Amino acid sequence: MRMCSIASGSSGNCIYVGNEDTHLLVDTGISKKRVEKGLESLSLSGKDINGIVITHEHSDHIQGLGVFSRKYKIPIYATEGTIRGIERSTSLGKLPEGLIRPICADEGFMLGSIKVNPFAVPHDANEPVGYRLESGHKAVAVATDLGDYDQYILSKLQNLDALLIEANHDVHMLEMGDYPYPLKRRILSEKGHLSNESSGRLLCNIIHKGLKNIILGHLSKDNNYAKLAYETVRLELHLGLGVGVENQINLQVANRDTVSQVISI
């Protein structure tokens, strides 16, 4: 399997996961041109994509969906709540008939040779999900836009080989920043976004010897930056798991505008 971030951040998200014969995208929250450019760097094109799985209907996850799906006629998989949100969007235009496929959390399905396992996440959207994706004995997951985590979330992230996990904000930067108070409350709520510290603590609950590759994603443009997210999560791993554990993991931060390092497992 291969996994990489084509773009990840508060301004747009698109993640690639694939194997030798199946290629999929998690979200298309950037322009068609940027998706195509990212795929080109992986020696792929839109014609190679077997499906798009959508986490939720917020614009930074779907803004490129209309143009991209119309051009390549790629099946779109989303929960019923997310589909309703997509259909209410005025910026996507009419999506091709028959391409939207409803899915449910905790009901896995095959997309080509990859098993897609959606799981519910706490976020202020209609029916948001994260995704665990399995091929053979390998498993990766994408878990962003979750304000909190519990045993259910942790159970979905066990025994992974790679993970893209949200590290959205630094709490101090957010609290001292210019965002209006209601927005700060929303981000810090249990249906908001994971902070750097919370992301690190979540990881301490799921790290095992097989999980060697972690991408920190969905960083806020205004309340975080790559080095801070990286060092904060490394410190949480160090404090939670002991000396040197953090150095045994390929920890990277997803780029906002460019394709991240490709993880091959």
C-alpha atoms as a PDB file:
ATOM      1  CA  MET A   1       0.000   0.000   0.000  1.00  0.00           C
ATOM      2  CA  ARG A   2       0.928   3.616  -0.525  1.00  0.00           C
ATOM      3  CA  MET A   3      -0.369   6.624   1.351  1.00  0.00           C
ATOM      4  CA  CYS A   4       0.334  10.321   1.155  1.00  0.00           C
ATOM      5  CA  SER A   5      -1.237  13.693   1.688  1.00  0.00           C
ATOM      6  CA  ILE A   6      -1.810  15.671  -1.506  1.00  0.00           C
ATOM      7  CA  ALA A   7      -2.938  18.579   0.677  1.00  0.00           C
ATOM      8  CA  SER A   8      -3.909  18.832   4.324  1.00  0.00           C
ATOM      9  CA  GLY A   9      -4.863  21.847   6.382  1.00  0.00           C
ATOM     10  CA  SER A  10      -7.701  24.102   7.376  1.00  0.00           C
ATOM     11  CA  SER A  11      -7.849  25.437   3.805  1.00  0.00           C
ATOM     12  CA  GLY A  12      -8.166  22.115   1.973  1.00  0.00           C
ATOM     13  CA  ASN A  13      -7.681  18.366   2.335  1.00  0.00           C
ATOM     14  CA  CYS A  14      -7.054  15.497  -0.072  1.00  0.00           C
ATOM     15  CA  ILE A  15      -5.386  12.202   0.856  1.00  0.00           C
ATOM     16  CA  TYR A  16      -4.304   9.414  -1.498  1.00  0.00           C
ATOM     17  CA  VAL A  17      -4.341   5.716  -0.510  1.00  0.00           C
ATOM     18  CA  GLY A  18      -3.757   2.884  -2.945  1.00  0.00           C
ATOM     19  CA  ASN A  19      -2.152  -0.414  -3.839  1.00  0.00           C
ATOM     20  CA  GLU A  20      -1.102  -2.034  -7.123  1.00  0.00           C
ATOM     21  CA  ASP A  21      -4.595  -2.139  -8.632  1.00  0.00           C
ATOM     22  CA  THR A  22      -6.840   0.171  -6.564  1.00  0.00           C
ATOM     23  CA  HIS A  23      -6.444   3.898  -6.011  1.00  0.00           C
ATOM     24  CA  LEU A  24      -8.698   6.109  -3.931  1.00  0.00           C
ATOM     25  CA  LEU A  25      -8.913   9.601  -2.496  1.00  0.00           C
ATOM     26  CA  VAL A  26     -10.091  10.574   0.949  1.00  0.00           C
ATOM     27  CA  ASP A  27     -11.765  13.963   0.361  1.00  0.00           C
ATOM     28  CA  THR A  28     -11.276  16.429  -2.487  1.00  0.00           C
ATOM     29  CA  GLY A  29     -11.178  19.747  -0.678  1.00  0.00           C
ATOM     30  CA  ILE A  30      -8.826  21.407  -3.157  1.00  0.00           C
ATOM     31  CA  SER A  31      -9.135  22.393  -6.805  1.00  0.00           C
ATOM     32  CA  LYS A  32      -9.266  19.822  -9.608  1.00  0.00           C
ATOM     33  CA  LYS A  33      -5.984  21.221 -10.925  1.00  0.00           C
ATOM     34  CA  ARG A  34      -4.246  20.676  -7.589  1.00  0.00           C
ATOM     35  CA  VAL A  35      -5.641  17.138  -7.262  1.00  0.00           C
ATOM     36  CA  GLU A  36      -4.419  16.326 -10.774  1.00  0.00           C
ATOM     37  CA  LYS A  37      -0.990  17.795 -10.062  1.00  0.00           C
ATOM     38  CA  GLY A  38      -0.716  15.735  -6.885  1.00  0.00           C
ATOM     39  CA  LEU A  39      -1.722  12.551  -8.660  1.00  0.00           C
ATOM     40  CA  GLU A  40       0.759  13.284 -11.438  1.00  0.00           C
ATOM     41  CA  SER A  41       3.558  13.314  -8.850  1.00  0.00           C
ATOM     42  CA  LEU A  42       2.467   9.765  -7.973  1.00  0.00           C
ATOM     43  CA  SER A  43       2.487   8.734 -11.660  1.00  0.00           C
ATOM     44  CA  LEU A  44      -1.317   8.609 -11.644  1.00  0.00           C
ATOM     45  CA  SER A  45      -4.164  10.542 -13.191  1.00  0.00           C
ATOM     46  CA  GLY A  46      -7.831  11.061 -12.366  1.00  0.00           C
ATOM     47  CA  LYS A  47      -8.640   8.134 -14.688  1.00  0.00           C
ATOM     48  CA  ASP A  48      -6.828   5.811 -12.269  1.00  0.00           C
ATOM     49  CA  ILE A  49      -8.965   6.723  -9.248  1.00  0.00           C
ATOM     50  CA  ASN A  50     -11.495   4.020  -8.347  1.00  0.00           C
ATOM     51  CA  GLY A  51     -13.411   6.012  -5.760  1.00  0.00           C
ATOM     52  CA  ILE A  52     -13.562   9.072  -3.527  1.00  0.00           C
ATOM     53  CA  VAL A  53     -14.519   8.579   0.117  1.00  0.00           C
ATOM     54  CA  ILE A  54     -15.709  11.728   1.883  1.00  0.00           C
ATOM     55  CA  THR A  55     -15.285  12.360   5.609  1.00  0.00           C
ATOM     56  CA  HIS A  56     -17.885  15.149   5.887  1.00  0.00           C
ATOM     57  CA  GLU A  57     -19.455  18.042   4.008  1.00  0.00           C
ATOM     58  CA  HIS A  58     -17.385  21.033   5.167  1.00  0.00           C
ATOM     59  CA  SER A  59     -15.941  22.969   2.248  1.00  0.00           C
ATOM     60  CA  ASP A  60     -12.284  22.221   3.014  1.00  0.00           C
ATOM     61  CA  HIS A  61     -13.128  18.559   2.303  1.00  0.00           C
ATOM     62  CA  ILE A  62     -15.409  18.799  -0.735  1.00  0.00           C
ATOM     63  CA  GLN A  63     -14.735  22.054  -2.608  1.00  0.00           C
ATOM     64  CA  GLY A  64     -13.121  20.284  -5.575  1.00  0.00           C
ATOM     65  CA  LEU A  65     -15.541  17.364  -5.631  1.00  0.00           C
ATOM     66  CA  GLY A  66     -17.980  18.671  -8.230  1.00  0.00           C
ATOM     67  CA  VAL A  67     -15.489  19.559 -10.963  1.00  0.00           C
ATOM     68  CA  PHE A  68     -13.263  16.523 -10.366  1.00  0.00           C
ATOM     69  CA  SER A  69     -16.086  13.962 -10.247  1.00  0.00           C
ATOM     70  CA  ARG A  70     -17.788  15.408 -13.323  1.00  0.00           C
ATOM     71  CA  LYS A  71     -14.601  15.170 -15.364  1.00  0.00           C
ATOM     72  CA  TYR A  72     -13.633  11.622 -14.389  1.00  0.00           C
ATOM     73  CA  LYS A  73     -17.031  10.141 -13.340  1.00  0.00           C
ATOM     74  CA  ILE A  74     -15.599   8.638 -10.165  1.00  0.00           C
ATOM     75  CA  PRO A  75     -17.948   7.014  -7.606  1.00  0.00           C
ATOM     76  CA  ILE A  76     -18.351   9.065  -4.422  1.00  0.00           C
ATOM     77  CA  TYR A  77     -18.883   7.321  -1.078  1.00  0.00           C
ATOM     78  CA  ALA A  78     -20.321   9.195   1.908  1.00  0.00           C
ATOM     79  CA  THR A  79     -22.760   8.774   4.776  1.00  0.00           C
ATOM     80  CA  GLU A  80     -26.392   9.808   4.311  1.00  0.00           C
ATOM     81  CA  GLY A  81     -25.869  12.884   6.469  1.00  0.00           C
ATOM     82  CA  THR A  82     -22.811  13.927   4.486  1.00  0.00           C
ATOM     83  CA  ILE A  83     -24.668  13.370   1.216  1.00  0.00           C
ATOM     84  CA  ARG A  84     -27.412  15.726   2.395  1.00  0.00           C
ATOM     85  CA  GLY A  85     -24.766  18.317   3.196  1.00  0.00           C
ATOM     86  CA  ILE A  86     -23.122  17.868  -0.209  1.00  0.00           C
ATOM     87  CA  GLU A  87     -26.464  18.230  -1.979  1.00  0.00           C
ATOM     88  CA  ARG A  88     -27.155  21.486  -0.125  1.00  0.00           C
ATOM     89  CA  SER A  89     -23.833  22.985  -1.204  1.00  0.00           C
ATOM     90  CA  THR A  90     -24.334  25.724  -3.778  1.00  0.00           C
ATOM     91  CA  SER A  91     -20.724  25.752  -4.959  1.00  0.00           C
ATOM     92  CA  LEU A  92     -20.341  22.190  -6.284  1.00  0.00           C
ATOM     93  CA  GLY A  93     -22.825  22.282  -9.139  1.00  0.00           C
ATOM     94  CA  LYS A  94     -24.816  19.213 -10.125  1.00  0.00           C
ATOM     95  CA  LEU A  95     -22.996  15.957  -9.446  1.00  0.00           C
ATOM     96  CA  PRO A  96     -23.239  13.187 -12.063  1.00  0.00           C
ATOM     97  CA  GLU A  97     -26.266  10.927 -11.564  1.00  0.00           C
ATOM     98  CA  GLY A  98     -25.639   7.538 -10.033  1.00  0.00           C
ATOM     99  CA  LEU A  99     -22.152   8.299  -8.738  1.00  0.00           C
ATOM    100  CA  ILE A 100     -23.024   8.981  -5.093  1.00  0.00           C
ATOM    101  CA  ARG A 101     -23.035   5.795  -3.018  1.00  0.00           C
ATOM    102  CA  PRO A 102     -24.381   5.954   0.578  1.00  0.00           C
ATOM    103  CA  ILE A 103     -22.339   4.215   3.281  1.00  0.00           C
ATOM    104  CA  CYS A 104     -22.691   3.732   7.037  1.00  0.00           C
ATOM    105  CA  ALA A 105     -20.226   3.935   9.904  1.00  0.00           C
ATOM    106  CA  ASP A 106     -19.087   0.488  11.079  1.00  0.00           C
ATOM    107  CA  GLU A 107     -20.207  -1.163   7.844  1.00  0.00           C
ATOM    108  CA  GLY A 108     -17.142  -1.975   5.787  1.00  0.00           C
ATOM    109  CA  PHE A 109     -17.196  -2.346   2.010  1.00  0.00           C
ATOM    110  CA  MET A 110     -14.789  -3.239  -0.760  1.00  0.00           C
ATOM    111  CA  LEU A 111     -13.552  -0.587  -3.117  1.00  0.00           C
ATOM    112  CA  GLY A 112     -11.579  -2.581  -5.653  1.00  0.00           C
ATOM    113  CA  SER A 113      -9.138  -4.645  -3.597  1.00  0.00           C
ATOM    114  CA  ILE A 114      -9.127  -2.260  -0.627  1.00  0.00           C
ATOM    115  CA  LYS A 115     -11.512  -2.777   2.267  1.00  0.00           C
ATOM    116  CA  VAL A 116     -12.907   0.557   3.450  1.00  0.00           C
ATOM    117  CA  ASN A 117     -14.022   0.718   7.079  1.00  0.00           C
ATOM    118  CA  PRO A 118     -15.800   3.988   7.984  1.00  0.00           C
ATOM    119  CA  PHE A 119     -16.023   4.888  11.675  1.00  0.00           C
ATOM    120  CA  ALA A 120     -17.943   7.697  13.349  1.00  0.00           C
ATOM    121  CA  VAL A 121     -16.022  10.709  14.662  1.00  0.00           C
ATOM    122  CA  PRO A 122     -17.194  13.572  16.922  1.00  0.00           C
ATOM    123  CA  HIS A 123     -17.304  16.735  14.815  1.00  0.00           C
ATOM    124  CA  ASP A 124     -19.850  19.473  14.131  1.00  0.00           C
ATOM    125  CA  ALA A 125     -20.998  18.070  10.802  1.00  0.00           C
ATOM    126  CA  ASN A 126     -24.054  16.024   9.748  1.00  0.00           C
ATOM    127  CA  GLU A 127     -22.617  12.499   9.986  1.00  0.00           C
ATOM    128  CA  PRO A 128     -18.811  12.650   9.871  1.00  0.00           C
ATOM    129  CA  VAL A 129     -16.531   9.624   9.648  1.00  0.00           C
ATOM    130  CA  GLY A 130     -12.894   8.663   9.553  1.00  0.00           C
ATOM    131  CA  TYR A 131     -11.604   5.765   7.485  1.00  0.00           C
ATOM    132  CA  ARG A 132      -9.595   2.640   8.153  1.00  0.00           C
ATOM    133  CA  LEU A 133      -8.335   1.156   4.871  1.00  0.00           C
ATOM    134  CA  GLU A 134      -7.017  -2.391   4.582  1.00  0.00           C
ATOM    135  CA  SER A 135      -5.226  -4.298   1.844  1.00  0.00           C
ATOM    136  CA  GLY A 136      -4.013  -7.807   2.589  1.00  0.00           C
ATOM    137  CA  HIS A 137      -2.347  -7.688   5.992  1.00  0.00           C
ATOM    138  CA  LYS A 138      -1.684  -3.936   5.838  1.00  0.00           C
ATOM    139  CA  ALA A 139      -3.875  -1.202   7.308  1.00  0.00           C
ATOM    140  CA  VAL A 140      -3.798   2.601   7.274  1.00  0.00           C
ATOM    141  CA  ALA A 141      -6.255   5.170   8.578  1.00  0.00           C
ATOM    142  CA  VAL A 142      -7.262   8.805   8.155  1.00  0.00           C
ATOM    143  CA  ALA A 143      -8.650  10.450  11.298  1.00  0.00           C
ATOM    144  CA  THR A 144      -9.115  14.204  11.124  1.00  0.00           C
ATOM    145  CA  ASP A 145     -11.819  16.634  12.268  1.00  0.00           C
ATOM    146  CA  LEU A 146     -12.473  15.029  15.608  1.00  0.00           C
ATOM    147  CA  GLY A 147     -12.805  17.119  18.733  1.00  0.00           C
ATOM    148  CA  ASP A 148     -12.175  14.233  21.104  1.00  0.00           C
ATOM    149  CA  TYR A 149     -11.501  10.512  21.186  1.00  0.00           C
ATOM    150  CA  ASP A 150     -12.740   7.589  23.242  1.00  0.00           C
ATOM    151  CA  GLN A 151     -12.356   3.818  23.363  1.00  0.00           C
ATOM    152  CA  TYR A 152     -14.458   3.445  20.227  1.00  0.00           C
ATOM    153  CA  ILE A 153     -12.099   5.686  18.228  1.00  0.00           C
ATOM    154  CA  LEU A 154      -9.042   3.998  19.714  1.00  0.00           C
ATOM    155  CA  SER A 155     -10.420   0.571  18.775  1.00  0.00           C
ATOM    156  CA  LYS A 156     -10.640   1.643  15.121  1.00  0.00           C
ATOM    157  CA  LEU A 157      -7.004   2.769  15.134  1.00  0.00           C
ATOM    158  CA  GLN A 158      -5.421  -0.399  16.523  1.00  0.00           C
ATOM    159  CA  ASN A 159      -2.798  -2.426  14.635  1.00  0.00           C
ATOM    160  CA  LEU A 160      -2.191   0.141  11.906  1.00  0.00           C
ATOM    161  CA  ASP A 161       0.884   0.378   9.698  1.00  0.00           C
ATOM    162  CA  ALA A 162       0.385   4.090   8.955  1.00  0.00           C
ATOM    163  CA  LEU A 163      -1.903   6.851  10.172  1.00  0.00           C
ATOM    164  CA  LEU A 164      -2.777  10.394   9.195  1.00  0.00           C
ATOM    165  CA  ILE A 165      -4.012  12.010  12.399  1.00  0.00           C
ATOM    166  CA  GLU A 166      -5.225  15.529  13.095  1.00  0.00           C
ATOM    167  CA  ALA A 167      -2.974  17.963  14.984  1.00  0.00           C
ATOM    168  CA  ASN A 168      -5.049  21.052  14.326  1.00  0.00           C
ATOM    169  CA  HIS A 169      -3.988  23.721  16.789  1.00  0.00           C
ATOM    170  CA  ASP A 170      -1.839  24.831  19.664  1.00  0.00           C
ATOM    171  CA  VAL A 171      -4.235  25.646  22.508  1.00  0.00           C
ATOM    172  CA  HIS A 172      -2.271  28.706  23.683  1.00  0.00           C
ATOM    173  CA  MET A 173      -2.047  30.161  20.169  1.00  0.00           C
ATOM    174  CA  LEU A 174      -5.784  29.642  19.701  1.00  0.00           C
ATOM    175  CA  GLU A 175      -6.717  31.168  23.059  1.00  0.00           C
ATOM    176  CA  MET A 176      -4.512  34.228  22.528  1.00  0.00           C
ATOM    177  CA  GLY A 177      -5.337  34.673  18.838  1.00  0.00           C
ATOM    178  CA  ASP A 178      -7.812  36.868  16.986  1.00  0.00           C
ATOM    179  CA  TYR A 179     -10.586  34.348  16.391  1.00  0.00           C
ATOM    180  CA  PRO A 180     -13.975  35.407  17.824  1.00  0.00           C
ATOM    181  CA  TYR A 181     -14.885  33.702  21.097  1.00  0.00           C
ATOM    182  CA  PRO A 182     -17.672  31.481  19.627  1.00  0.00           C
ATOM    183  CA  LEU A 183     -15.245  30.096  17.030  1.00  0.00           C
ATOM    184  CA  LYS A 184     -12.627  29.414  19.712  1.00  0.00           C
ATOM    185  CA  ARG A 185     -15.260  27.552  21.750  1.00  0.00           C
ATOM    186  CA  ARG A 186     -16.256  25.529  18.702  1.00  0.00           C
ATOM    187  CA  ILE A 187     -12.669  24.482  17.912  1.00  0.00           C
ATOM    188  CA  LEU A 188     -11.934  23.570  21.535  1.00  0.00           C
ATOM    189  CA  SER A 189     -15.195  21.654  21.998  1.00  0.00           C
ATOM    190  CA  GLU A 190     -15.672  17.891  21.896  1.00  0.00           C
ATOM    191  CA  LYS A 191     -17.011  18.307  18.350  1.00  0.00           C
ATOM    192  CA  GLY A 192     -14.226  20.601  17.202  1.00  0.00           C
ATOM    193  CA  HIS A 193     -10.611  19.705  16.460  1.00  0.00           C
ATOM    194  CA  LEU A 194      -7.760  17.859  18.170  1.00  0.00           C
ATOM    195  CA  SER A 195      -4.949  19.988  19.564  1.00  0.00           C
ATOM    196  CA  ASN A 196      -1.298  19.028  19.183  1.00  0.00           C
ATOM    197  CA  GLU A 197      -1.225  17.709  22.752  1.00  0.00           C
ATOM    198  CA  SER A 198      -4.410  15.670  22.320  1.00  0.00           C
ATOM    199  CA  SER A 199      -3.079  14.189  19.101  1.00  0.00           C
ATOM    200  CA  GLY A 200       0.088  13.071  20.877  1.00  0.00           C
ATOM    201  CA  ARG A 201      -1.890  11.560  23.750  1.00  0.00           C
ATOM    202  CA  LEU A 202      -4.134   9.681  21.348  1.00  0.00           C
ATOM    203  CA  LEU A 203      -1.061   8.255  19.660  1.00  0.00           C
ATOM    204  CA  CYS A 204       0.297   7.049  22.997  1.00  0.00           C
ATOM    205  CA  ASN A 205      -2.777   4.799  23.224  1.00  0.00           C
ATOM    206  CA  ILE A 206      -2.301   3.104  19.855  1.00  0.00           C
ATOM    207  CA  ILE A 207       1.454   2.967  19.228  1.00  0.00           C
ATOM    208  CA  HIS A 208       2.749  -0.549  18.680  1.00  0.00           C
ATOM    209  CA  LYS A 209       5.848  -1.951  16.998  1.00  0.00           C
ATOM    210  CA  GLY A 210       4.148  -2.113  13.596  1.00  0.00           C
ATOM    211  CA  LEU A 211       3.022   1.523  13.492  1.00  0.00           C
ATOM    212  CA  LYS A 212       6.118   3.164  12.062  1.00  0.00           C
ATOM    213  CA  ASN A 213       4.598   5.932   9.934  1.00  0.00           C
ATOM    214  CA  ILE A 214       2.527   8.839  11.261  1.00  0.00           C
ATOM    215  CA  ILE A 215       1.471  11.971   9.374  1.00  0.00           C
ATOM    216  CA  LEU A 216       0.206  14.954  11.349  1.00  0.00           C
ATOM    217  CA  GLY A 217      -2.498  16.686   9.313  1.00  0.00           C
ATOM    218  CA  HIS A 218      -5.211  19.317   9.185  1.00  0.00           C
ATOM    219  CA  LEU A 219      -3.027  21.997  10.806  1.00  0.00           C
ATOM    220  CA  SER A 220      -4.664  25.367  11.346  1.00  0.00           C
ATOM    221  CA  LYS A 221      -3.157  28.139   9.257  1.00  0.00           C
ATOM    222  CA  ASP A 222      -3.596  30.659  12.075  1.00  0.00           C
ATOM    223  CA  ASN A 223      -3.186  28.651  15.271  1.00  0.00           C
ATOM    224  CA  ASN A 224      -0.387  26.196  14.545  1.00  0.00           C
ATOM    225  CA  TYR A 225       2.746  25.629  12.493  1.00  0.00           C
ATOM    226  CA  ALA A 226       4.583  22.526  11.383  1.00  0.00           C
ATOM    227  CA  LYS A 227       7.582  22.628  13.733  1.00  0.00           C
ATOM    228  CA  LEU A 228       5.392  23.282  16.781  1.00  0.00           C
ATOM    229  CA  ALA A 229       3.024  20.419  15.940  1.00  0.00           C
ATOM    230  CA  TYR A 230       5.949  18.071  15.308  1.00  0.00           C
ATOM    231  CA  GLU A 231       7.821  18.906  18.514  1.00  0.00           C
ATOM    232  CA  THR A 232       4.690  18.874  20.688  1.00  0.00           C
ATOM    233  CA  VAL A 233       3.631  15.433  19.475  1.00  0.00           C
ATOM    234  CA  ARG A 234       7.196  14.110  19.814  1.00  0.00           C
ATOM    235  CA  LEU A 235       7.263  15.365  23.413  1.00  0.00           C
ATOM    236  CA  GLU A 236       3.923  13.700  24.201  1.00  0.00           C
ATOM    237  CA  LEU A 237       5.245  10.420  22.801  1.00  0.00           C
ATOM    238  CA  HIS A 238       8.442  10.793  24.810  1.00  0.00           C
ATOM    239  CA  LEU A 239       6.560  11.530  28.040  1.00  0.00           C
ATOM    240  CA  GLY A 240       3.886   8.911  27.488  1.00  0.00           C
ATOM    241  CA  LEU A 241       5.907   6.005  26.157  1.00  0.00           C
ATOM    242  CA  GLY A 242       9.447   6.522  27.411  1.00  0.00           C
ATOM    243  CA  VAL A 243      12.833   7.650  26.197  1.00  0.00           C
ATOM    244  CA  GLY A 244      13.613   7.039  22.541  1.00  0.00           C
ATOM    245  CA  VAL A 245      10.228   5.726  21.415  1.00  0.00           C
ATOM    246  CA  GLU A 246       9.539   8.918  19.472  1.00  0.00           C
ATOM    247  CA  ASN A 247      12.764   8.392  17.493  1.00  0.00           C
ATOM    248  CA  GLN A 248      11.631   4.978  16.250  1.00  0.00           C
ATOM    249  CA  ILE A 249       8.699   6.460  14.324  1.00  0.00           C
ATOM    250  CA  ASN A 250       8.710   8.189  10.947  1.00  0.00           C
ATOM    251  CA  LEU A 251       6.780  11.245  12.093  1.00  0.00           C
ATOM    252  CA  GLN A 252       6.046  13.887   9.476  1.00  0.00           C
ATOM    253  CA  VAL A 253       3.777  16.885   9.080  1.00  0.00           C
ATOM    254  CA  ALA A 254       1.534  17.069   6.024  1.00  0.00           C
ATOM    255  CA  ASN A 255       2.140  20.047   3.790  1.00  0.00           C
ATOM    256  CA  ARG A 256      -0.664  22.497   3.183  1.00  0.00           C
ATOM    257  CA  ASP A 257       0.106  23.027  -0.501  1.00  0.00           C
ATOM    258  CA  THR A 258       2.376  20.207  -1.670  1.00  0.00           C
ATOM    259  CA  VAL A 259       2.405  16.409  -1.670  1.00  0.00           C
ATOM    260  CA  SER A 260       3.886  14.876   1.458  1.00  0.00           C
ATOM    261  CA  GLN A 261       6.473  12.126   1.611  1.00  0.00           C
ATOM    262  CA  VAL A 262       4.936   8.946   0.208  1.00  0.00           C
ATOM    263  CA  ILE A 263       4.589   6.133   2.733  1.00  0.00           C
ATOM    264  CA  SER A 264       4.996   2.647   1.279  1.00  0.00           C
ATOM    265  CA  ILE A 265       4.166  -0.325   3.464  1.00  0.00           C
END
